Amino acid sequence: MRRLLFTVVFSLVFPLSAHAAEALIAVASNFTAPMKKLAPMFERETGHKLTLAFGSTGKFYAQIHHGAPFDVLLAADETIPAKLEQEGMGSRRYTYALGRLVLWSAQADLVDGQGAVLQHTPLGRLAIADPRLAPYGAAAIQTLDRLGRLAAWRPQFVVGENISQAFQFASTGNAPLGFVALSQVYVDGQLQSGSAWIVPQSLYQPIRQDAILLGKAEHNDAATAFMKFLRSEAAVAVLRDYGYTLE
């Protein structure tokens, strides 16, 4: 009787341990900071385990086609997940966040609230993510083009493989200016350092960031639970803290 009672109590107190699963999540570089906060929240809530890989969406697409065992892709755009879905390599796709582009400098007085520095003669490098691989890089090109300043600034580009590398160029001073993701420089609605101009969304196409369940992850409890968790109130609150918006 005592052994039976212990078994019942144990199962009530630790209901998730017997069903814990693991998932490998491919995460777009711009989503690094919020994902590092979301992952432990998810693990505490569900008992599942996540392993995170960060990089450019374009490179993840190539790796998935070469057999990389990712269970979920959190992309920086909607195009790559849509292609994977069309190719029969994923399912349950949805937009988990709308990304925001920001012109940022580590120097406190270089960028004003209107981004007027872009209208001046370029005096230093401008960091952007590779527009062929990174949606934030494409958004930077669109912004400069619509401002009529692309030709003036193009010779000053220092191009990062992804948005994390573009931010690194700007944060270390290798480039005085950088087009980066708002989530990289804002937390709790506050600029963490330097100076910034949040680029009006009218200057670039919306950066819809889609999540997609990959391959055979339909049967992975951790992966399917995470896809659901990402739409929870707790997760959405974290996204807003980092400057993301929702449709």
Foldseek 3Di string as FASTA:
>chain_A
DVVVVVVVVVCVVCVQQVVAFEFEEEEEQQCVVLVVVVQVVLCVVRVYHYHYDYDFQQVVLVVVVVPDRHFKYFHQADVSQVVCVVVVFWDPKDFLWWWWKKKFALAAPQADQVRCNLVDQDDAAEEAEDVVTEVLRVLVCLLCVVVVRNVRHVVRYDYHPHQVVSVVCRNVVVTRIYIHILLVQFFQRDGPHGDMYGDPCVSGPIRGTMMIGGDPSVPGPSSVVVVVVSPDPVNVVSCVRSPIDDD
